[in-house]
Protein backbone atom coordinates (compact mmCIF):
# COMPACT_ATOMS: atom_id res chain seq x y z
CA MET A 1 15.01 27.07 6.01
CA ASP A 2 12.69 28.24 8.79
CA PHE A 3 13.11 26.92 12.33
CA GLU A 4 10.19 28.90 13.77
CA TYR A 5 6.68 27.62 14.42
CA THR A 6 3.91 29.51 12.64
CA ASP A 7 1.47 31.75 14.47
CA THR A 8 -1.25 29.13 13.98
CA GLN A 9 0.94 26.40 15.43
CA GLN A 10 1.75 28.57 18.45
CA GLU A 11 -1.97 29.25 18.93
CA ILE A 12 -2.67 25.52 18.82
CA ARG A 13 0.03 24.90 21.42
CA GLU A 14 -1.39 27.54 23.74
CA ALA A 15 -4.98 26.35 23.33
CA VAL A 16 -4.09 22.72 24.09
CA ARG A 17 -2.00 23.83 27.06
CA LYS A 18 -4.98 25.79 28.43
CA LEU A 19 -7.27 22.78 28.06
CA CYS A 20 -4.72 20.59 29.84
CA GLU A 21 -4.65 23.01 32.78
CA GLY A 22 -8.08 21.67 33.66
CA PHE A 23 -6.58 18.18 33.98
CA GLY A 24 -3.58 18.68 36.22
CA PRO A 25 -1.13 16.09 37.55
CA ASP A 26 -3.49 15.03 40.33
CA TYR A 27 -6.14 14.07 37.77
CA TRP A 28 -3.66 11.78 36.03
CA LEU A 29 -2.49 10.40 39.37
CA ARG A 30 -6.06 9.44 40.27
CA CYS A 31 -6.49 7.70 36.92
CA ASP A 32 -3.19 5.90 37.42
CA GLU A 33 -4.02 4.70 40.92
CA ALA A 34 -7.49 3.50 39.90
CA GLY A 35 -6.38 2.03 36.57
CA ALA A 36 -9.07 4.25 35.06
CA TYR A 37 -9.35 5.49 31.50
CA PRO A 38 -9.20 9.33 31.39
CA GLU A 39 -12.67 9.58 29.89
CA GLU A 40 -13.26 13.21 30.89
CA PHE A 41 -10.00 14.34 29.32
CA VAL A 42 -10.58 12.42 26.10
CA GLN A 43 -14.09 13.86 25.84
CA ALA A 44 -12.77 17.39 26.37
CA MET A 45 -10.16 16.86 23.63
CA THR A 46 -12.89 15.50 21.36
CA ASP A 47 -15.26 18.38 22.04
CA ALA A 48 -12.49 20.87 21.30
CA GLY A 49 -11.87 19.19 17.95
CA TRP A 50 -8.24 18.32 18.62
CA LEU A 51 -8.61 14.58 17.99
CA SER A 52 -10.08 15.22 14.53
CA ALA A 53 -7.29 17.59 13.55
CA LEU A 54 -5.99 15.36 10.74
CA ILE A 55 -9.40 14.54 9.23
CA PRO A 56 -10.20 16.67 6.14
CA GLU A 57 -12.78 19.41 6.54
CA GLU A 58 -15.17 17.72 4.10
CA PHE A 59 -15.52 14.89 6.62
CA GLY A 60 -15.93 17.13 9.65
CA GLY A 61 -12.31 17.51 10.75
CA SER A 62 -9.92 20.46 10.77
CA GLY A 63 -7.79 19.35 7.82
CA LEU A 64 -4.56 20.21 9.59
CA GLY A 65 -1.16 18.72 8.81
CA VAL A 66 0.68 16.09 10.79
CA MET A 67 2.94 18.85 12.19
CA GLU A 68 -0.06 20.36 13.94
CA GLY A 69 -1.07 16.91 15.19
CA CYS A 70 2.43 16.50 16.60
CA ILE A 71 2.14 19.79 18.48
CA ILE A 72 -1.19 18.75 20.00
CA LEU A 73 0.16 15.49 21.43
CA GLU A 74 3.48 17.03 22.47
CA GLU A 75 1.68 19.65 24.52
CA ILE A 76 -0.49 17.06 26.31
CA ASN A 77 2.59 15.24 27.56
CA ARG A 78 4.52 18.42 28.27
CA SER A 79 1.62 19.44 30.52
CA GLY A 80 2.03 16.24 32.56
CA GLY A 81 -0.70 14.24 30.83
CA ASN A 82 -0.62 11.12 28.71
CA GLY A 83 -1.53 11.54 25.05
CA ALA A 84 -1.35 7.77 24.51
CA ALA A 85 -4.84 7.57 25.96
CA CYS A 86 -6.24 9.05 22.75
CA HIS A 87 -3.46 9.29 20.15
CA ALA A 88 -4.77 6.36 18.11
CA GLN A 89 -7.99 8.27 17.44
CA MET A 90 -5.81 10.67 15.46
CA TYR A 91 -3.78 8.25 13.35
CA THR A 92 -5.61 4.90 13.13
CA MET A 93 -8.11 6.44 10.72
CA GLY A 94 -5.24 7.07 8.27
CA SER A 95 -5.69 3.71 6.53
CA LEU A 96 -9.38 4.45 6.09
CA LEU A 97 -8.72 7.97 4.85
CA ASN A 98 -6.00 6.98 2.39
CA HIS A 99 -7.27 3.62 1.17
CA GLY A 100 -10.93 3.27 2.10
CA SER A 101 -13.77 3.54 -0.39
CA GLU A 102 -15.71 6.78 -0.73
CA ALA A 103 -18.68 5.08 0.93
CA GLN A 104 -16.52 3.98 3.88
CA LYS A 105 -15.08 7.46 4.32
CA ARG A 106 -18.49 9.12 4.32
CA ARG A 107 -19.92 6.51 6.65
CA TYR A 108 -17.19 6.56 9.28
CA LEU A 109 -14.98 9.68 9.12
CA PRO A 110 -17.64 12.26 10.16
CA ARG A 111 -18.49 10.12 13.19
CA ILE A 112 -14.83 9.68 14.07
CA ALA A 113 -14.45 13.46 13.75
CA ASP A 114 -17.33 14.28 16.12
CA GLY A 115 -16.34 11.55 18.57
CA SER A 116 -19.52 9.49 18.28
CA LEU A 117 -17.38 6.69 16.84
CA ARG A 118 -14.08 5.75 18.44
CA LEU A 119 -11.49 4.00 16.31
CA GLN A 120 -8.59 3.51 18.70
CA ALA A 121 -8.04 -0.27 18.62
CA PHE A 122 -5.52 -1.54 16.10
CA GLY A 123 -4.93 -5.31 15.85
CA VAL A 124 -1.51 -6.08 14.36
CA THR A 125 0.87 -7.79 16.82
CA GLU A 126 0.47 -11.48 17.65
CA PRO A 127 2.03 -13.59 20.45
CA ASP A 128 4.24 -15.65 18.13
CA ALA A 129 5.03 -13.00 15.52
CA GLY A 130 6.14 -9.96 17.52
CA SER A 131 7.58 -7.34 15.19
CA ASN A 132 7.54 -9.76 12.24
CA THR A 133 4.10 -8.79 10.94
CA LEU A 134 4.55 -10.91 7.82
CA LYS A 135 4.44 -14.05 10.01
CA ILE A 136 1.06 -13.36 11.61
CA LYS A 137 -1.29 -16.37 11.77
CA THR A 138 -4.68 -14.67 12.06
CA PHE A 139 -6.44 -15.78 8.88
CA ALA A 140 -9.45 -14.44 6.99
CA ARG A 141 -11.02 -17.24 4.94
CA LYS A 142 -12.98 -16.05 1.91
CA VAL A 143 -16.65 -17.00 1.81
CA PRO A 144 -19.46 -15.68 -0.41
CA GLY A 145 -19.97 -12.00 0.38
CA GLY A 146 -17.22 -11.75 2.97
CA TYR A 147 -14.74 -13.54 5.22
CA VAL A 148 -14.55 -15.65 8.36
CA ILE A 149 -11.60 -14.66 10.56
CA ASN A 150 -9.86 -16.69 13.26
CA GLY A 151 -6.77 -15.87 15.28
CA GLN A 152 -5.36 -13.91 18.18
CA LYS A 153 -3.86 -10.45 18.70
CA ILE A 154 -1.87 -9.02 21.59
CA TRP A 155 -1.00 -5.51 22.76
CA THR A 156 -4.25 -4.12 21.33
CA SER A 157 -4.53 -0.94 23.35
CA ARG A 158 -7.86 0.73 24.16
CA TYR A 159 -9.91 -2.15 22.76
CA PHE A 160 -12.58 -1.65 25.43
CA GLN A 161 -12.65 2.10 24.74
CA SER A 162 -13.29 1.62 21.00
CA HIS A 163 -16.34 1.05 18.83
CA MET A 164 -14.34 -0.13 15.81
CA TYR A 165 -11.35 -2.44 15.48
CA LEU A 166 -8.85 -2.07 12.63
CA LEU A 167 -7.60 -5.60 12.03
CA ILE A 168 -4.94 -7.05 9.74
CA ALA A 169 -5.15 -10.70 8.77
CA ARG A 170 -3.76 -13.07 6.17
CA THR A 171 -6.07 -13.72 3.25
CA THR A 172 -3.53 -15.84 1.38
CA PRO A 173 -1.25 -18.33 3.17
CA LEU A 174 2.35 -17.13 3.40
CA GLU A 175 3.66 -20.13 1.48
CA GLU A 176 1.39 -19.30 -1.47
CA VAL A 177 2.34 -15.66 -2.06
CA ARG A 178 4.93 -14.44 -4.56
CA LYS A 179 6.28 -11.84 -2.13
CA LYS A 180 6.08 -12.06 1.65
CA THR A 181 4.49 -8.62 1.82
CA GLU A 182 1.50 -9.82 -0.19
CA GLY A 183 -1.57 -11.70 1.02
CA LEU A 184 -2.43 -9.53 4.03
CA SER A 185 -5.69 -7.56 4.18
CA LEU A 186 -7.10 -4.82 6.41
CA PHE A 187 -10.59 -4.99 7.91
CA LEU A 188 -12.65 -2.46 9.83
CA VAL A 189 -14.67 -4.41 12.38
CA ASP A 190 -17.68 -3.22 14.36
CA ILE A 191 -16.91 -4.52 17.87
CA ALA A 192 -20.51 -4.55 19.13
CA LYS A 193 -21.74 -6.29 15.99
CA ALA A 194 -19.00 -8.92 16.31
CA GLY A 195 -20.34 -9.97 19.71
CA ALA A 196 -18.84 -13.14 21.14
CA SER A 197 -16.63 -13.59 18.07
CA LEU A 198 -14.27 -11.00 19.59
CA LYS A 199 -13.13 -11.43 23.17
CA GLY A 200 -10.77 -8.97 24.81
CA ARG A 201 -8.75 -9.70 27.94
CA PRO A 202 -6.84 -6.91 29.70
CA ILE A 203 -3.09 -7.26 30.21
CA ARG A 204 -1.85 -5.86 33.49
CA THR A 205 1.10 -3.56 32.84
CA MET A 206 3.35 -1.35 34.94
CA MET A 207 1.71 1.78 33.53
CA ASN A 208 -1.96 2.73 33.10
CA HIS A 209 -2.12 1.81 29.42
CA HIS A 210 -5.35 -0.17 28.84
CA THR A 211 -3.87 -2.81 26.55
CA ASN A 212 -5.31 -6.23 25.80
CA GLU A 213 -5.20 -9.62 24.19
CA VAL A 214 -7.97 -10.15 21.64
CA PHE A 215 -9.23 -13.60 20.67
CA ILE A 216 -10.95 -13.91 17.28
CA ASP A 217 -13.29 -16.87 16.87
CA ASN A 218 -15.20 -17.31 13.60
CA LEU A 219 -15.62 -13.58 13.15
CA GLU A 220 -17.82 -12.89 10.14
CA VAL A 221 -17.18 -9.71 8.16
CA SER A 222 -18.49 -8.58 4.80
CA ASP A 223 -16.58 -7.54 1.69
CA GLU A 224 -17.63 -3.96 2.54
CA ASP A 225 -15.65 -4.22 5.82
CA ARG A 226 -12.38 -4.72 3.95
CA ILE A 227 -10.30 -1.59 3.39
CA GLY A 228 -8.89 -1.35 -0.12
CA GLU A 229 -7.89 -4.36 -2.18
CA GLU A 230 -7.49 -7.85 -0.85
CA GLY A 231 -3.87 -8.77 -0.26
CA LYS A 232 -2.52 -5.22 -0.03
CA GLY A 233 -3.09 -4.64 3.67
CA PHE A 234 0.60 -4.66 4.57
CA HIS A 235 1.30 -1.83 2.14
CA TYR A 236 -1.63 0.14 3.59
CA LEU A 237 -0.29 -0.53 7.08
CA VAL A 238 3.23 0.66 6.23
CA ASP A 239 1.74 3.75 4.59
CA SER A 240 0.22 4.79 7.93
CA LEU A 241 3.28 4.07 10.09
CA ASN A 242 5.04 7.35 9.30
CA SER A 243 2.27 9.42 10.86
CA GLU A 244 2.08 7.07 13.84
CA ARG A 245 5.81 7.39 14.52
CA LEU A 246 5.72 11.16 14.22
CA LEU A 247 2.81 11.50 16.62
CA VAL A 248 4.25 9.05 19.14
CA CYS A 249 7.68 10.65 19.05
CA SER A 250 5.99 13.99 19.73
CA GLU A 251 4.58 12.60 22.96
CA SER A 252 8.12 11.61 23.88
CA LEU A 253 9.31 15.14 23.16
CA GLY A 254 6.60 16.46 25.46
CA ASP A 255 7.67 14.02 28.15
CA GLY A 256 11.31 15.02 27.72
CA LYS A 257 10.49 18.70 28.14
CA TRP A 258 8.38 17.94 31.22
CA PHE A 259 11.25 15.98 32.82
CA VAL A 260 13.80 18.69 32.07
CA GLU A 261 11.53 21.43 33.43
CA GLN A 262 10.71 19.48 36.59
CA ALA A 263 14.33 18.48 37.21
CA SER A 264 15.82 21.94 36.63
CA ARG A 265 13.20 23.58 38.87
CA TYR A 266 13.63 21.05 41.67
CA ALA A 267 17.44 21.18 41.43
CA SER A 268 17.33 24.96 41.78
CA GLU A 269 15.03 24.86 44.83
CA ARG A 270 16.18 21.79 46.75
CA GLN A 271 18.75 22.69 49.44
CA VAL A 272 21.19 20.08 50.74
CA PHE A 273 24.43 20.97 52.59
CA ASP A 274 23.21 24.59 52.60
CA ARG A 275 23.24 24.95 48.82
CA PRO A 276 20.95 24.11 45.86
CA ILE A 277 21.68 20.63 44.56
CA GLY A 278 21.61 22.08 41.05
CA GLN A 279 24.83 23.86 41.87
CA ASN A 280 26.57 20.48 41.72
CA GLN A 281 27.77 19.49 38.26
CA GLY A 282 26.82 15.86 38.94
CA ILE A 283 23.18 17.02 39.01
CA GLN A 284 23.46 19.91 36.57
CA PHE A 285 25.22 18.22 33.65
CA PRO A 286 22.83 15.27 33.09
CA ILE A 287 19.87 17.68 32.98
CA ALA A 288 21.67 20.00 30.55
CA ARG A 289 22.68 17.05 28.37
CA ALA A 290 19.10 15.74 28.32
CA HIS A 291 17.82 19.20 27.39
CA MET A 292 20.18 19.42 24.42
CA ASN A 293 19.20 15.99 23.15
CA VAL A 294 15.48 16.74 23.45
CA GLN A 295 15.98 19.95 21.49
CA ALA A 296 17.97 18.13 18.79
CA ALA A 297 15.30 15.41 18.52
CA GLU A 298 12.66 18.11 18.07
CA LEU A 299 14.51 19.42 15.01
CA MET A 300 14.57 15.92 13.51
CA ARG A 301 10.86 15.54 14.22
CA ASN A 302 10.13 18.86 12.53
CA ARG A 303 12.23 17.88 9.51
CA ALA A 304 10.36 14.58 9.15
CA ALA A 305 6.95 16.19 9.67
CA ALA A 306 7.72 18.81 7.01
CA LEU A 307 8.58 16.08 4.51
CA PHE A 308 5.40 14.18 5.42
CA ASP A 309 3.16 17.21 4.98
CA GLN A 310 4.80 17.94 1.62
CA GLY A 311 4.01 14.41 0.45
CA LYS A 312 7.70 13.54 0.09
CA PRO A 313 9.39 10.25 1.07
CA CYS A 314 10.11 10.36 4.80
CA GLY A 315 10.33 6.78 6.09
CA THR A 316 13.94 7.04 7.24
CA GLU A 317 13.40 10.48 8.76
CA THR A 318 10.30 9.45 10.74
CA SER A 319 12.10 6.38 12.06
CA MET A 320 15.11 8.46 13.12
CA ALA A 321 12.84 11.02 14.76
CA LYS A 322 11.08 8.30 16.74
CA TYR A 323 14.42 6.85 17.86
CA LEU A 324 16.00 10.15 18.83
CA ALA A 325 12.92 11.49 20.62
CA THR A 326 12.28 8.36 22.67
CA GLU A 327 15.94 7.99 23.65
CA ALA A 328 16.19 11.68 24.59
CA SER A 329 12.97 11.42 26.60
CA TRP A 330 14.29 8.41 28.49
CA GLU A 331 17.58 10.17 29.19
CA ALA A 332 15.59 13.10 30.59
CA ALA A 333 13.44 10.72 32.64
CA GLU A 334 16.53 9.16 34.20
CA ALA A 335 18.04 12.58 34.93
CA CYS A 336 14.80 13.72 36.54
CA MET A 337 14.45 10.56 38.63
CA THR A 338 18.05 10.90 39.83
CA THR A 339 17.58 14.60 40.62
CA PHE A 340 14.53 13.94 42.77
CA GLY A 341 16.26 11.08 44.57
CA GLY A 342 13.91 9.25 46.93
CA TYR A 343 11.10 11.67 46.14
CA GLY A 344 11.27 10.52 42.52
CA VAL A 345 9.55 7.24 43.41
CA ALA A 346 6.89 8.96 45.54
CA SER A 347 3.63 9.10 43.59
CA GLU A 348 2.76 12.60 44.76
CA TYR A 349 5.65 14.08 42.73
CA HIS A 350 4.40 12.40 39.51
CA VAL A 351 7.92 11.57 38.33
CA GLU A 352 7.54 7.81 38.69
CA ARG A 353 4.31 7.80 36.65
CA LYS A 354 5.85 9.75 33.79
CA TRP A 355 9.06 7.73 34.06
CA LYS A 356 7.14 4.50 33.44
CA GLU A 357 5.20 5.98 30.55
CA ALA A 358 8.36 7.33 28.90
CA ARG A 359 10.06 3.92 28.97
CA LEU A 360 7.30 2.30 26.93
CA PHE A 361 8.01 4.32 23.78
CA ARG A 362 11.50 2.87 23.39
CA THR A 363 9.73 -0.44 22.70
CA ALA A 364 6.39 0.54 21.15
CA PRO A 365 5.02 1.01 18.60
CA ILE A 366 8.35 -0.21 17.18
CA SER A 367 11.48 -1.28 18.99
CA ASN A 368 14.36 1.16 18.75
CA ASN A 369 16.68 -1.74 17.90
CA LEU A 370 14.51 -2.46 14.87
CA ILE A 371 14.86 1.17 13.83
CA LEU A 372 18.63 0.89 14.04
CA ALA A 373 18.48 -2.14 11.76
CA GLN A 374 16.24 -0.29 9.29
CA VAL A 375 18.46 2.77 9.16
CA ALA A 376 21.57 0.62 8.71
CA GLN A 377 19.99 -1.21 5.79
CA HIS A 378 17.93 1.44 4.02
CA ALA A 379 19.88 4.64 4.75
CA LEU A 380 23.41 3.26 4.86
CA GLY A 381 23.16 0.34 2.43
CA MET A 382 24.45 -2.21 4.89
CA PRO A 383 23.46 -5.91 4.77
CA ARG A 384 20.00 -6.77 6.02
CA SER A 385 20.13 -8.01 9.60
CA TYR A 386 16.65 -9.49 9.96
């Protein structure tokens, strides 16, 4: 059992950290205040090859493992940035890589790798279905040579920053399938080609997240736009969730480390009543507790990532890692906000921006309460609660 990162992983961490130095907190503050997409940062990450890290070398990527992908995103957030702006470019292609045809892979993966094609938009959630993906109503009706799709998606992030849209829809009505997990299919949609059949509408949120509603009106796609077999889209979707959870939880780990570092530094420097506020246990203990929980969550993340990269079952471990990392990050965010006091809500200190971003991951891409239910059922053998 080895708890150390490899030399290559350390080099990746240092290289990403150096790139992030060119996009300091003020850059992210300007994006936040303007509601702007961090285009320059995403392009720099693309040019450096970091967003194609998980794409095999034969398709123009680096062929690295998910552990290395985790380190990349962790370091972005630890540097004060927001990896959510581009994380989907790393994992959304997983369904294509694992289940797409050879022709689809050769057509799309090299362009995703070099950044000329952005696949960041993922259409799963619907207004009336929420986390119950099996109850989605978006329907793809079979016609000669393809499908006609109608429906609506919500919380589709970075739709307007994407060229392609990975979309899941029912191809068989729920009441006609043998198992509820059947009858869903995945489609890779060219947004420009779709034209007026796809309409995105931004959702204003408390953080700079670029998320949207998407309305689908008689969208015509061909059989060649479907990924894998008809009716197996849910299984393909679940297959890609482990990497998504590992990468997202790594952003939370980066956030947690940023909060702990900022809080401990400020508490050591800030003088009130002629002494550093960090000398008071009421300030000191919450920061120390948050630090320990972030470190423990990192070990769970590393355990889950190791299983993933070895091709072993890791669903429970990735879910637990996501839960532990996002809860530890939020604990650190609260400790940091409390340590900074009134200055914590002042934009110039950057705490309030990161605080808002950290809160999101307790809800997305999967609610932590849903993870608790999954662990209770699948790891502990308790009765199903949903």
